[in-house]
Amino acid sequence: MTNDVTLQVGGITPFTTIDFPGRLAAVIFCQGCPWRCRYCHNRHLLPAGVGGKYAWTEVMQWLETRRGLLEGVVFSGGEPLLQRQLPDAASAVREQGFAVALHTSGVYPDRLHDMLPLVDWVGLDIKAPFDEYALITGGGDGSRTRDALRYIVQAGTPHELRCTLDPDFFDAARARKMAMQLAQAGASHLVLQACRDETTRRSRHVPDEVLDAIRAHLPSVTCRF
């Protein structure tokens, strides 16, 4: 199977303790994403249909040397589900004895549904209230992410919902609406991430009223800033 996979890999993080909760893992960054989020910090991974930095056979050979040292492999991006060979790549990784995690925006809910049996944990990015996704993603449809969340909840797959709070977009009203929509979709916990200034790379300030609006509607909120 490995020789037939042509996954486009734009980068690798050889060791992480934060991208796959509870496991020592490597991160494989898949090339390509259909959305253009205004705060994206992996813009070099956005173009699709271009050659990756690493051939998949090279990735598999390297992972073979990590057996017994790492516990899991994270497929991130870009948007991993853009590439239709992702299930084959995940199966190959599992055959090597690694657990599999997936970071996704939920842009391809049906592909995610089919992928869930191969995944031990999902990190699902929440961009905005579902009806306002286009303002963040450059035209994306939030109903896709809502469907993706529904599939994850129905499957009982361990997961994390996380949202990057762009202070130029989120006011208390939008934050409240997003939290209410997530609660209605079955979410109970949300991780909040700071939007970073592209020049200084420092976290931008999030007003307290935005945080309070989210906390008022979700039982558990974690801030990573």
N, C-alpha and C. Protein backbone atom coordinates (compact mmCIF):
# COMPACT_ATOMS: atom_id res chain seq x y z
N MET A 1 0.83 -1.21 0.00
CA MET A 1 0.00 0.00 0.00
C MET A 1 0.86 1.26 0.00
N THR A 2 1.96 1.23 0.76
CA THR A 2 2.79 2.43 0.91
C THR A 2 3.28 2.94 -0.43
N ASN A 3 3.69 2.03 -1.32
CA ASN A 3 4.24 2.44 -2.60
C ASN A 3 3.20 3.08 -3.51
N ASP A 4 1.92 2.83 -3.23
CA ASP A 4 0.86 3.38 -4.06
C ASP A 4 0.36 4.74 -3.57
N VAL A 5 0.76 5.16 -2.38
CA VAL A 5 0.30 6.41 -1.80
C VAL A 5 1.15 7.56 -2.33
N THR A 6 0.48 8.62 -2.75
CA THR A 6 1.20 9.80 -3.26
C THR A 6 0.82 11.05 -2.46
N LEU A 7 0.66 10.90 -1.15
CA LEU A 7 0.29 12.03 -0.31
C LEU A 7 1.32 13.14 -0.43
N GLN A 8 0.82 14.37 -0.62
CA GLN A 8 1.71 15.53 -0.72
C GLN A 8 2.00 16.06 0.68
N VAL A 9 3.23 15.95 1.12
CA VAL A 9 3.63 16.32 2.48
C VAL A 9 4.47 17.58 2.42
N GLY A 10 3.97 18.65 3.04
CA GLY A 10 4.66 19.93 3.00
C GLY A 10 5.62 20.18 4.14
N GLY A 11 5.59 19.32 5.16
CA GLY A 11 6.49 19.51 6.29
C GLY A 11 6.27 18.44 7.35
N ILE A 12 7.23 18.32 8.26
CA ILE A 12 7.16 17.34 9.34
C ILE A 12 7.67 17.99 10.62
N THR A 13 6.95 17.80 11.71
CA THR A 13 7.47 18.09 13.04
C THR A 13 7.81 16.74 13.67
N PRO A 14 9.07 16.47 13.94
CA PRO A 14 9.46 15.12 14.35
C PRO A 14 9.03 14.72 15.75
N PHE A 15 8.68 15.70 16.60
CA PHE A 15 8.33 15.35 17.98
C PHE A 15 7.43 16.43 18.56
N THR A 16 6.31 16.01 19.13
CA THR A 16 5.42 16.94 19.79
C THR A 16 4.73 16.26 20.97
N THR A 17 4.49 17.04 22.00
CA THR A 17 3.73 16.54 23.16
C THR A 17 2.39 17.25 23.28
N ILE A 18 2.07 18.15 22.35
CA ILE A 18 0.86 18.97 22.50
C ILE A 18 -0.17 18.77 21.39
N ASP A 19 0.21 18.17 20.28
CA ASP A 19 -0.71 18.08 19.14
C ASP A 19 -1.57 16.82 19.14
N PHE A 20 -1.26 15.87 20.03
CA PHE A 20 -2.01 14.62 20.14
C PHE A 20 -2.08 14.32 21.64
N PRO A 21 -3.12 14.79 22.33
CA PRO A 21 -3.16 14.70 23.79
C PRO A 21 -2.88 13.30 24.32
N GLY A 22 -1.94 13.24 25.26
CA GLY A 22 -1.63 11.99 25.93
C GLY A 22 -0.65 11.10 25.19
N ARG A 23 -0.15 11.54 24.03
CA ARG A 23 0.76 10.70 23.25
C ARG A 23 1.94 11.53 22.74
N LEU A 24 3.10 10.87 22.68
CA LEU A 24 4.25 11.45 22.01
C LEU A 24 4.07 11.19 20.53
N ALA A 25 4.18 12.22 19.72
CA ALA A 25 3.80 12.07 18.32
C ALA A 25 4.67 12.90 17.40
N ALA A 26 4.57 12.57 16.11
CA ALA A 26 5.11 13.39 15.04
C ALA A 26 3.93 14.00 14.30
N VAL A 27 4.17 15.15 13.67
CA VAL A 27 3.13 15.81 12.89
C VAL A 27 3.52 15.82 11.42
N ILE A 28 2.62 15.33 10.57
CA ILE A 28 2.80 15.37 9.13
C ILE A 28 1.89 16.46 8.57
N PHE A 29 2.47 17.48 7.97
CA PHE A 29 1.70 18.60 7.44
C PHE A 29 1.38 18.34 5.96
N CYS A 30 0.11 18.16 5.69
CA CYS A 30 -0.34 17.86 4.33
C CYS A 30 -0.48 19.15 3.52
N GLN A 31 -0.06 19.09 2.27
CA GLN A 31 -0.08 20.26 1.41
C GLN A 31 -1.48 20.51 0.86
N GLY A 32 -1.89 21.78 0.86
CA GLY A 32 -3.14 22.17 0.22
C GLY A 32 -4.27 22.45 1.19
N CYS A 33 -5.04 23.51 0.89
CA CYS A 33 -6.24 23.85 1.67
C CYS A 33 -7.18 24.65 0.78
N PRO A 34 -8.49 24.36 0.81
CA PRO A 34 -9.42 25.11 -0.03
C PRO A 34 -9.83 26.45 0.56
N TRP A 35 -9.56 26.68 1.84
CA TRP A 35 -9.96 27.92 2.48
C TRP A 35 -8.78 28.86 2.61
N ARG A 36 -9.07 30.13 2.82
CA ARG A 36 -8.04 31.16 2.96
C ARG A 36 -8.34 31.99 4.21
N CYS A 37 -8.15 31.39 5.36
CA CYS A 37 -8.47 32.05 6.62
C CYS A 37 -7.58 33.27 6.83
N ARG A 38 -8.16 34.32 7.29
CA ARG A 38 -7.48 35.62 7.37
C ARG A 38 -6.29 35.61 8.32
N TYR A 39 -6.26 34.70 9.28
CA TYR A 39 -5.16 34.68 10.25
C TYR A 39 -4.25 33.46 10.05
N CYS A 40 -4.35 32.75 8.95
CA CYS A 40 -3.59 31.51 8.75
C CYS A 40 -2.09 31.75 8.94
N HIS A 41 -1.44 30.87 9.71
CA HIS A 41 0.00 31.00 9.91
C HIS A 41 0.78 29.90 9.18
N ASN A 42 0.08 29.09 8.38
CA ASN A 42 0.75 28.07 7.55
C ASN A 42 0.47 28.34 6.07
N ARG A 43 0.65 29.58 5.66
CA ARG A 43 0.28 29.96 4.30
C ARG A 43 1.08 29.21 3.23
N HIS A 44 2.26 28.76 3.57
CA HIS A 44 3.05 28.01 2.58
C HIS A 44 2.42 26.67 2.26
N LEU A 45 1.47 26.22 3.10
CA LEU A 45 0.81 24.94 2.86
C LEU A 45 -0.50 25.09 2.09
N LEU A 46 -0.91 26.31 1.79
CA LEU A 46 -2.21 26.52 1.16
C LEU A 46 -2.30 26.02 -0.28
N PRO A 47 -1.31 26.27 -1.15
CA PRO A 47 -1.45 25.85 -2.55
C PRO A 47 -1.59 24.33 -2.68
N ALA A 48 -2.59 23.90 -3.41
CA ALA A 48 -2.81 22.48 -3.66
C ALA A 48 -2.27 22.11 -5.03
N GLY A 49 -2.08 20.81 -5.25
CA GLY A 49 -1.65 20.34 -6.55
C GLY A 49 -0.20 20.61 -6.86
N VAL A 50 0.59 20.92 -5.82
CA VAL A 50 2.02 21.13 -6.02
C VAL A 50 2.78 20.01 -5.34
N GLY A 51 3.99 19.78 -5.77
CA GLY A 51 4.79 18.73 -5.17
C GLY A 51 5.11 19.03 -3.71
N GLY A 52 5.01 18.02 -2.88
CA GLY A 52 5.31 18.20 -1.47
C GLY A 52 6.81 18.25 -1.22
N LYS A 53 7.15 18.63 -0.02
CA LYS A 53 8.56 18.71 0.36
C LYS A 53 9.16 17.32 0.54
N TYR A 54 8.29 16.37 0.97
CA TYR A 54 8.75 15.00 1.21
C TYR A 54 7.90 14.02 0.42
N ALA A 55 8.51 13.01 -0.16
CA ALA A 55 7.77 11.92 -0.77
C ALA A 55 7.21 11.03 0.34
N TRP A 56 6.02 10.45 0.08
CA TRP A 56 5.41 9.62 1.12
C TRP A 56 6.28 8.42 1.48
N THR A 57 6.99 7.86 0.51
CA THR A 57 7.88 6.74 0.82
C THR A 57 8.98 7.16 1.80
N GLU A 58 9.45 8.40 1.67
CA GLU A 58 10.46 8.91 2.61
C GLU A 58 9.88 9.04 4.00
N VAL A 59 8.62 9.52 4.07
CA VAL A 59 7.97 9.67 5.37
C VAL A 59 7.83 8.32 6.05
N MET A 60 7.39 7.32 5.30
CA MET A 60 7.21 6.00 5.89
C MET A 60 8.54 5.39 6.33
N GLN A 61 9.58 5.60 5.56
CA GLN A 61 10.89 5.09 5.96
C GLN A 61 11.38 5.76 7.23
N TRP A 62 11.11 7.06 7.34
CA TRP A 62 11.52 7.77 8.56
C TRP A 62 10.70 7.29 9.75
N LEU A 63 9.38 7.11 9.56
CA LEU A 63 8.55 6.64 10.67
C LEU A 63 8.98 5.26 11.14
N GLU A 64 9.48 4.45 10.25
CA GLU A 64 9.97 3.13 10.65
C GLU A 64 11.07 3.24 11.70
N THR A 65 11.89 4.29 11.60
CA THR A 65 12.98 4.49 12.58
C THR A 65 12.46 5.04 13.90
N ARG A 66 11.20 5.48 13.93
CA ARG A 66 10.62 6.07 15.13
C ARG A 66 9.78 5.06 15.93
N ARG A 67 9.65 3.85 15.41
CA ARG A 67 8.86 2.84 16.13
C ARG A 67 9.51 2.54 17.48
N GLY A 68 8.69 2.55 18.52
CA GLY A 68 9.19 2.37 19.87
C GLY A 68 9.60 3.67 20.55
N LEU A 69 9.70 4.74 19.78
CA LEU A 69 10.05 6.05 20.31
C LEU A 69 8.85 6.98 20.32
N LEU A 70 8.02 6.89 19.29
CA LEU A 70 6.80 7.69 19.21
C LEU A 70 5.58 6.78 19.34
N GLU A 71 4.49 7.39 19.83
CA GLU A 71 3.25 6.64 20.00
C GLU A 71 2.21 6.93 18.92
N GLY A 72 2.33 8.11 18.31
CA GLY A 72 1.28 8.49 17.36
C GLY A 72 1.79 9.37 16.25
N VAL A 73 0.94 9.53 15.24
CA VAL A 73 1.20 10.40 14.11
C VAL A 73 -0.02 11.29 13.90
N VAL A 74 0.24 12.58 13.74
CA VAL A 74 -0.82 13.56 13.53
C VAL A 74 -0.79 14.01 12.07
N PHE A 75 -1.93 13.93 11.41
CA PHE A 75 -2.07 14.50 10.07
C PHE A 75 -2.68 15.88 10.21
N SER A 76 -1.90 16.90 9.82
CA SER A 76 -2.35 18.28 9.94
C SER A 76 -2.17 18.95 8.58
N GLY A 77 -2.26 20.28 8.55
CA GLY A 77 -2.15 20.93 7.25
C GLY A 77 -1.90 22.42 7.38
N GLY A 78 -2.34 23.11 6.33
CA GLY A 78 -3.22 22.73 5.26
C GLY A 78 -4.50 22.05 5.77
N GLU A 79 -5.13 21.35 4.86
CA GLU A 79 -6.31 20.54 5.20
C GLU A 79 -6.06 19.13 4.72
N PRO A 80 -5.77 18.21 5.66
CA PRO A 80 -5.42 16.84 5.26
C PRO A 80 -6.48 16.15 4.41
N LEU A 81 -7.76 16.40 4.69
CA LEU A 81 -8.82 15.71 3.98
C LEU A 81 -8.98 16.18 2.54
N LEU A 82 -8.26 17.22 2.14
CA LEU A 82 -8.25 17.62 0.75
C LEU A 82 -7.70 16.50 -0.13
N GLN A 83 -6.74 15.75 0.42
CA GLN A 83 -6.08 14.70 -0.35
C GLN A 83 -6.82 13.37 -0.16
N ARG A 84 -7.31 12.84 -1.26
CA ARG A 84 -8.15 11.65 -1.20
C ARG A 84 -7.41 10.39 -0.78
N GLN A 85 -6.10 10.42 -0.79
CA GLN A 85 -5.35 9.25 -0.37
C GLN A 85 -5.04 9.25 1.13
N LEU A 86 -5.60 10.21 1.85
CA LEU A 86 -5.35 10.26 3.29
C LEU A 86 -5.74 8.97 4.00
N PRO A 87 -6.90 8.34 3.71
CA PRO A 87 -7.22 7.08 4.39
C PRO A 87 -6.16 6.00 4.17
N ASP A 88 -5.62 5.90 2.95
CA ASP A 88 -4.57 4.92 2.70
C ASP A 88 -3.31 5.24 3.50
N ALA A 89 -2.98 6.53 3.60
CA ALA A 89 -1.81 6.94 4.38
C ALA A 89 -2.02 6.62 5.86
N ALA A 90 -3.21 6.90 6.37
CA ALA A 90 -3.50 6.62 7.78
C ALA A 90 -3.46 5.12 8.05
N SER A 91 -3.98 4.33 7.12
CA SER A 91 -3.93 2.87 7.30
C SER A 91 -2.50 2.37 7.34
N ALA A 92 -1.65 2.92 6.48
CA ALA A 92 -0.24 2.52 6.48
C ALA A 92 0.44 2.87 7.79
N VAL A 93 0.11 4.04 8.34
CA VAL A 93 0.69 4.46 9.61
C VAL A 93 0.21 3.54 10.74
N ARG A 94 -1.06 3.18 10.73
CA ARG A 94 -1.58 2.27 11.75
C ARG A 94 -0.91 0.90 11.66
N GLU A 95 -0.64 0.46 10.44
CA GLU A 95 0.03 -0.83 10.27
C GLU A 95 1.43 -0.83 10.87
N GLN A 96 2.03 0.35 10.97
CA GLN A 96 3.34 0.47 11.61
C GLN A 96 3.23 0.48 13.14
N GLY A 97 2.01 0.51 13.65
CA GLY A 97 1.82 0.47 15.10
C GLY A 97 1.58 1.80 15.76
N PHE A 98 1.37 2.86 14.96
CA PHE A 98 1.14 4.19 15.52
C PHE A 98 -0.35 4.48 15.63
N ALA A 99 -0.75 5.20 16.69
CA ALA A 99 -2.08 5.77 16.76
C ALA A 99 -2.14 6.96 15.80
N VAL A 100 -3.34 7.33 15.37
CA VAL A 100 -3.51 8.37 14.36
C VAL A 100 -4.41 9.49 14.89
N ALA A 101 -3.94 10.71 14.73
CA ALA A 101 -4.75 11.90 15.04
C ALA A 101 -4.93 12.72 13.76
N LEU A 102 -6.00 13.49 13.73
CA LEU A 102 -6.32 14.30 12.56
C LEU A 102 -6.68 15.71 13.00
N HIS A 103 -6.04 16.70 12.40
CA HIS A 103 -6.42 18.10 12.56
C HIS A 103 -7.18 18.51 11.30
N THR A 104 -8.38 19.02 11.43
CA THR A 104 -9.19 19.37 10.27
C THR A 104 -10.07 20.57 10.55
N SER A 105 -10.43 21.26 9.47
CA SER A 105 -11.38 22.37 9.57
C SER A 105 -12.82 21.89 9.42
N GLY A 106 -12.99 20.62 9.04
CA GLY A 106 -14.34 20.11 8.81
C GLY A 106 -14.89 20.45 7.44
N VAL A 107 -14.05 20.93 6.54
CA VAL A 107 -14.52 21.37 5.23
C VAL A 107 -15.05 20.21 4.38
N TYR A 108 -14.62 18.98 4.67
CA TYR A 108 -15.10 17.81 3.93
C TYR A 108 -15.76 16.82 4.90
N PRO A 109 -16.96 17.10 5.35
CA PRO A 109 -17.58 16.26 6.38
C PRO A 109 -17.77 14.80 5.97
N ASP A 110 -18.13 14.55 4.72
CA ASP A 110 -18.34 13.17 4.30
C ASP A 110 -17.03 12.38 4.29
N ARG A 111 -15.96 13.02 3.86
CA ARG A 111 -14.65 12.36 3.91
C ARG A 111 -14.23 12.11 5.36
N LEU A 112 -14.53 13.06 6.23
CA LEU A 112 -14.23 12.88 7.65
C LEU A 112 -15.02 11.69 8.20
N HIS A 113 -16.29 11.60 7.87
CA HIS A 113 -17.13 10.49 8.33
C HIS A 113 -16.48 9.15 7.96
N ASP A 114 -16.02 9.03 6.72
CA ASP A 114 -15.42 7.78 6.27
C ASP A 114 -14.06 7.53 6.92
N MET A 115 -13.41 8.60 7.34
CA MET A 115 -12.07 8.51 7.92
C MET A 115 -12.08 8.16 9.41
N LEU A 116 -13.18 8.44 10.09
CA LEU A 116 -13.22 8.31 11.55
C LEU A 116 -12.82 6.93 12.07
N PRO A 117 -13.17 5.83 11.41
CA PRO A 117 -12.73 4.52 11.93
C PRO A 117 -11.22 4.35 11.98
N LEU A 118 -10.48 5.18 11.26
CA LEU A 118 -9.02 5.09 11.23
C LEU A 118 -8.36 6.07 12.19
N VAL A 119 -9.16 6.85 12.90
CA VAL A 119 -8.64 7.96 13.69
C VAL A 119 -8.91 7.74 15.18
N ASP A 120 -7.89 8.01 16.00
CA ASP A 120 -8.02 7.86 17.46
C ASP A 120 -8.39 9.16 18.15
N TRP A 121 -8.15 10.29 17.47
CA TRP A 121 -8.44 11.60 18.07
C TRP A 121 -8.54 12.62 16.95
N VAL A 122 -9.46 13.59 17.11
CA VAL A 122 -9.65 14.64 16.11
C VAL A 122 -9.55 16.01 16.78
N GLY A 123 -8.79 16.90 16.17
CA GLY A 123 -8.81 18.31 16.54
C GLY A 123 -9.58 19.06 15.47
N LEU A 124 -10.76 19.58 15.82
CA LEU A 124 -11.63 20.25 14.85
C LEU A 124 -11.57 21.76 15.06
N ASP A 125 -11.16 22.47 14.03
CA ASP A 125 -11.08 23.93 14.12
C ASP A 125 -12.45 24.56 13.91
N ILE A 126 -12.82 25.42 14.83
CA ILE A 126 -14.05 26.20 14.72
C ILE A 126 -13.64 27.62 14.37
N LYS A 127 -14.16 28.14 13.26
CA LYS A 127 -13.70 29.42 12.75
C LYS A 127 -14.53 30.61 13.23
N ALA A 128 -15.85 30.40 13.36
CA ALA A 128 -16.78 31.50 13.56
C ALA A 128 -18.16 30.91 13.82
N PRO A 129 -19.18 31.74 14.07
CA PRO A 129 -20.54 31.21 14.00
C PRO A 129 -20.74 30.55 12.63
N PHE A 130 -21.46 29.44 12.60
CA PHE A 130 -21.55 28.65 11.37
C PHE A 130 -22.08 29.47 10.18
N ASP A 131 -22.95 30.42 10.46
CA ASP A 131 -23.54 31.21 9.38
C ASP A 131 -22.66 32.39 8.95
N GLU A 132 -21.47 32.54 9.55
CA GLU A 132 -20.58 33.64 9.20
C GLU A 132 -19.20 33.16 8.79
N TYR A 133 -19.08 31.90 8.44
CA TYR A 133 -17.78 31.33 8.09
C TYR A 133 -17.11 32.06 6.94
N ALA A 134 -17.88 32.50 5.96
CA ALA A 134 -17.29 33.12 4.77
C ALA A 134 -16.45 34.34 5.12
N LEU A 135 -16.77 35.02 6.21
CA LEU A 135 -16.05 36.23 6.60
C LEU A 135 -14.64 35.91 7.10
N ILE A 136 -14.43 34.70 7.59
CA ILE A 136 -13.12 34.28 8.08
C ILE A 136 -12.36 33.49 7.02
N THR A 137 -13.08 32.60 6.33
CA THR A 137 -12.43 31.61 5.46
C THR A 137 -12.31 32.04 4.00
N GLY A 138 -12.86 33.19 3.65
CA GLY A 138 -12.81 33.62 2.28
C GLY A 138 -13.83 32.94 1.39
N GLY A 139 -14.93 32.52 1.98
CA GLY A 139 -16.01 31.91 1.19
C GLY A 139 -16.45 30.55 1.66
N GLY A 140 -15.85 30.01 2.73
CA GLY A 140 -16.19 28.69 3.22
C GLY A 140 -17.59 28.61 3.81
N ASP A 141 -18.16 27.43 3.78
CA ASP A 141 -19.52 27.16 4.26
C ASP A 141 -19.46 26.52 5.64
N GLY A 142 -19.94 27.22 6.66
CA GLY A 142 -19.89 26.70 8.02
C GLY A 142 -20.76 25.50 8.27
N SER A 143 -21.76 25.26 7.41
CA SER A 143 -22.59 24.07 7.59
C SER A 143 -21.77 22.80 7.43
N ARG A 144 -20.69 22.87 6.69
CA ARG A 144 -19.81 21.72 6.54
C ARG A 144 -19.15 21.36 7.88
N THR A 145 -18.67 22.36 8.58
CA THR A 145 -18.05 22.10 9.88
C THR A 145 -19.09 21.65 10.90
N ARG A 146 -20.29 22.19 10.83
CA ARG A 146 -21.37 21.73 11.71
C ARG A 146 -21.66 20.26 11.47
N ASP A 147 -21.70 19.83 10.21
CA ASP A 147 -21.93 18.42 9.90
C ASP A 147 -20.76 17.57 10.38
N ALA A 148 -19.54 18.09 10.23
CA ALA A 148 -18.36 17.35 10.70
C ALA A 148 -18.43 17.14 12.20
N LEU A 149 -18.81 18.17 12.94
CA LEU A 149 -18.95 18.04 14.39
C LEU A 149 -20.01 17.01 14.74
N ARG A 150 -21.10 17.02 14.01
CA ARG A 150 -22.16 16.04 14.27
C ARG A 150 -21.65 14.61 14.08
N TYR A 151 -20.88 14.38 13.02
CA TYR A 151 -20.34 13.05 12.78
C TYR A 151 -19.39 12.63 13.91
N ILE A 152 -18.56 13.55 14.37
CA ILE A 152 -17.61 13.24 15.44
C ILE A 152 -18.34 12.89 16.72
N VAL A 153 -19.34 13.69 17.07
CA VAL A 153 -20.11 13.45 18.29
C VAL A 153 -20.85 12.12 18.20
N GLN A 154 -21.47 11.84 17.06
CA GLN A 154 -22.22 10.60 16.89
C GLN A 154 -21.30 9.38 16.99
N ALA A 155 -20.09 9.50 16.45
CA ALA A 155 -19.15 8.38 16.48
C ALA A 155 -18.52 8.19 17.84
N GLY A 156 -18.58 9.20 18.70
CA GLY A 156 -17.95 9.11 20.01
C GLY A 156 -16.43 9.19 19.94
N THR A 157 -15.90 9.74 18.86
CA THR A 157 -14.45 9.86 18.70
C THR A 157 -13.89 10.91 19.65
N PRO A 158 -12.86 10.58 20.43
CA PRO A 158 -12.24 11.61 21.27
C PRO A 158 -11.81 12.79 20.41
N HIS A 159 -12.07 14.00 20.92
CA HIS A 159 -11.82 15.16 20.07
C HIS A 159 -11.63 16.41 20.91
N GLU A 160 -11.18 17.45 20.21
CA GLU A 160 -11.05 18.78 20.80
C GLU A 160 -11.55 19.79 19.79
N LEU A 161 -12.36 20.71 20.24
CA LEU A 161 -12.78 21.84 19.41
C LEU A 161 -11.94 23.04 19.83
N ARG A 162 -11.39 23.72 18.82
CA ARG A 162 -10.58 24.89 19.16
C ARG A 162 -10.88 26.02 18.20
N CYS A 163 -10.82 27.23 18.72
CA CYS A 163 -11.16 28.41 17.93
C CYS A 163 -10.09 29.48 18.14
N THR A 164 -9.57 30.00 17.03
CA THR A 164 -8.66 31.14 17.09
C THR A 164 -9.49 32.42 17.13
N LEU A 165 -9.31 33.19 18.18
CA LEU A 165 -10.13 34.38 18.38
C LEU A 165 -9.46 35.61 17.75
N ASP A 166 -9.94 35.96 16.58
CA ASP A 166 -9.46 37.16 15.91
C ASP A 166 -10.21 38.37 16.50
N PRO A 167 -9.52 39.25 17.24
CA PRO A 167 -10.22 40.38 17.88
C PRO A 167 -10.82 41.36 16.88
N ASP A 168 -10.39 41.34 15.63
CA ASP A 168 -11.00 42.21 14.62
C ASP A 168 -12.33 41.65 14.14
N PHE A 169 -12.60 40.39 14.45
CA PHE A 169 -13.84 39.75 14.03
C PHE A 169 -14.79 39.51 15.20
N PHE A 170 -14.26 38.96 16.28
CA PHE A 170 -15.12 38.55 17.38
C PHE A 170 -15.43 39.71 18.32
N ASP A 171 -16.70 40.03 18.42
CA ASP A 171 -17.20 40.85 19.52
C ASP A 171 -18.04 39.93 20.40
N ALA A 172 -18.60 40.46 21.46
CA ALA A 172 -19.35 39.62 22.40
C ALA A 172 -20.54 38.94 21.73
N ALA A 173 -21.22 39.65 20.83
CA ALA A 173 -22.40 39.09 20.18
C ALA A 173 -22.04 37.89 19.32
N ARG A 174 -20.98 38.01 18.53
CA ARG A 174 -20.57 36.89 17.69
C ARG A 174 -20.06 35.72 18.53
N ALA A 175 -19.32 36.04 19.59
CA ALA A 175 -18.82 34.99 20.47
C ALA A 175 -19.98 34.24 21.12
N ARG A 176 -20.99 34.97 21.56
CA ARG A 176 -22.16 34.35 22.19
C ARG A 176 -22.90 33.46 21.19
N LYS A 177 -23.08 33.96 19.98
CA LYS A 177 -23.80 33.18 18.97
C LYS A 177 -23.03 31.89 18.65
N MET A 178 -21.72 31.99 18.50
CA MET A 178 -20.93 30.80 18.21
C MET A 178 -21.03 29.77 19.34
N ALA A 179 -20.92 30.22 20.57
CA ALA A 179 -20.99 29.31 21.71
C ALA A 179 -22.35 28.63 21.79
N MET A 180 -23.41 29.38 21.52
CA MET A 180 -24.75 28.80 21.55
C MET A 180 -24.92 27.76 20.44
N GLN A 181 -24.41 28.04 19.25
CA GLN A 181 -24.49 27.08 18.16
C GLN A 181 -23.72 25.81 18.47
N LEU A 182 -22.54 25.95 19.08
CA LEU A 182 -21.76 24.77 19.43
C LEU A 182 -22.46 23.94 20.49
N ALA A 183 -23.04 24.60 21.48
CA ALA A 183 -23.77 23.88 22.52
C ALA A 183 -24.95 23.12 21.92
N GLN A 184 -25.65 23.74 21.00
CA GLN A 184 -26.79 23.09 20.34
C GLN A 184 -26.34 21.90 19.51
N ALA A 185 -25.10 21.93 19.01
CA ALA A 185 -24.56 20.84 18.20
C ALA A 185 -23.98 19.71 19.06
N GLY A 186 -24.02 19.86 20.37
CA GLY A 186 -23.54 18.80 21.25
C GLY A 186 -22.18 19.02 21.85
N ALA A 187 -21.59 20.20 21.63
CA ALA A 187 -20.27 20.48 22.19
C ALA A 187 -20.38 20.84 23.67
N SER A 188 -19.36 20.47 24.43
CA SER A 188 -19.33 20.81 25.84
C SER A 188 -18.04 21.53 26.23
N HIS A 189 -17.02 21.46 25.37
CA HIS A 189 -15.73 22.06 25.70
C HIS A 189 -15.16 22.75 24.47
N LEU A 190 -14.56 23.90 24.68
CA LEU A 190 -13.93 24.64 23.59
C LEU A 190 -12.58 25.18 24.05
N VAL A 191 -11.58 25.01 23.22
CA VAL A 191 -10.26 25.57 23.48
C VAL A 191 -10.11 26.85 22.67
N LEU A 192 -9.73 27.92 23.33
CA LEU A 192 -9.57 29.22 22.68
C LEU A 192 -8.09 29.50 22.47
N GLN A 193 -7.75 29.88 21.23
CA GLN A 193 -6.38 30.19 20.88
C GLN A 193 -6.28 31.64 20.44
N ALA A 194 -5.20 32.29 20.79
CA ALA A 194 -5.03 33.70 20.44
C ALA A 194 -4.62 33.85 19.00
N CYS A 195 -5.08 34.90 18.38
CA CYS A 195 -4.65 35.29 17.05
C CYS A 195 -3.34 36.07 17.22
N ARG A 196 -2.34 35.71 16.43
CA ARG A 196 -1.03 36.35 16.58
C ARG A 196 -0.81 37.42 15.53
N ASP A 197 -0.17 38.49 15.94
CA ASP A 197 0.21 39.55 15.01
C ASP A 197 1.26 39.00 14.04
N GLU A 198 1.04 39.18 12.74
CA GLU A 198 1.94 38.60 11.75
C GLU A 198 3.34 39.21 11.78
N THR A 199 3.45 40.41 12.31
CA THR A 199 4.76 41.07 12.35
C THR A 199 5.53 40.71 13.62
N THR A 200 4.88 40.85 14.76
CA THR A 200 5.56 40.62 16.04
C THR A 200 5.43 39.19 16.53
N ARG A 201 4.46 38.45 15.98
CA ARG A 201 4.14 37.07 16.41
C ARG A 201 3.63 37.02 17.84
N ARG A 202 3.25 38.16 18.38
CA ARG A 202 2.70 38.20 19.73
C ARG A 202 1.19 38.00 19.69
N SER A 203 0.66 37.41 20.76
CA SER A 203 -0.78 37.19 20.85
C SER A 203 -1.50 38.53 20.97
N ARG A 204 -2.58 38.67 20.23
CA ARG A 204 -3.37 39.90 20.28
C ARG A 204 -4.38 39.79 21.41
N HIS A 205 -4.68 40.90 22.03
CA HIS A 205 -5.54 40.92 23.20
C HIS A 205 -6.98 40.56 22.84
N VAL A 206 -7.57 39.69 23.65
CA VAL A 206 -8.97 39.31 23.50
C VAL A 206 -9.76 39.96 24.63
N PRO A 207 -10.75 40.78 24.33
CA PRO A 207 -11.52 41.46 25.38
C PRO A 207 -12.21 40.47 26.32
N ASP A 208 -12.29 40.83 27.58
CA ASP A 208 -12.91 39.96 28.58
C ASP A 208 -14.36 39.65 28.24
N GLU A 209 -15.07 40.61 27.65
CA GLU A 209 -16.48 40.37 27.36
C GLU A 209 -16.68 39.29 26.30
N VAL A 210 -15.69 39.12 25.42
CA VAL A 210 -15.75 38.04 24.43
C VAL A 210 -15.61 36.69 25.13
N LEU A 211 -14.63 36.60 26.02
CA LEU A 211 -14.43 35.35 26.77
C LEU A 211 -15.64 35.04 27.64
N ASP A 212 -16.19 36.04 28.30
CA ASP A 212 -17.34 35.83 29.18
C ASP A 212 -18.56 35.35 28.39
N ALA A 213 -18.73 35.86 27.17
CA ALA A 213 -19.86 35.46 26.35
C ALA A 213 -19.78 33.99 25.98
N ILE A 214 -18.57 33.50 25.73
CA ILE A 214 -18.40 32.08 25.39
C ILE A 214 -18.60 31.21 26.62
N ARG A 215 -18.01 31.62 27.73
CA ARG A 215 -18.12 30.83 28.97
C ARG A 215 -19.56 30.73 29.46
N ALA A 216 -20.39 31.67 29.10
CA ALA A 216 -21.77 31.67 29.57
C ALA A 216 -22.59 30.55 28.94
N HIS A 217 -22.11 29.98 27.82
CA HIS A 217 -22.92 29.01 27.10
C HIS A 217 -22.27 27.64 26.93
N LEU A 218 -21.00 27.51 27.31
CA LEU A 218 -20.34 26.22 27.22
C LEU A 218 -19.82 25.83 28.60
N PRO A 219 -20.01 24.58 29.01
CA PRO A 219 -19.63 24.16 30.36
C PRO A 219 -18.13 24.27 30.65
N SER A 220 -17.30 24.09 29.61
CA SER A 220 -15.86 24.06 29.83
C SER A 220 -15.16 24.83 28.72
N VAL A 221 -14.33 25.79 29.12
CA VAL A 221 -13.57 26.60 28.17
C VAL A 221 -12.14 26.69 28.66
N THR A 222 -11.19 26.39 27.74
CA THR A 222 -9.76 26.47 28.05
C THR A 222 -9.14 27.55 27.18
N CYS A 223 -8.34 28.43 27.79
CA CYS A 223 -7.65 29.48 27.04
C CYS A 223 -6.18 29.11 26.89
N ARG A 224 -5.69 29.12 25.67
CA ARG A 224 -4.28 28.88 25.41
C ARG A 224 -3.62 30.18 24.96
N PHE A 225 -3.65 31.16 25.82
CA PHE A 225 -2.97 32.42 25.56
C PHE A 225 -2.82 33.17 26.87
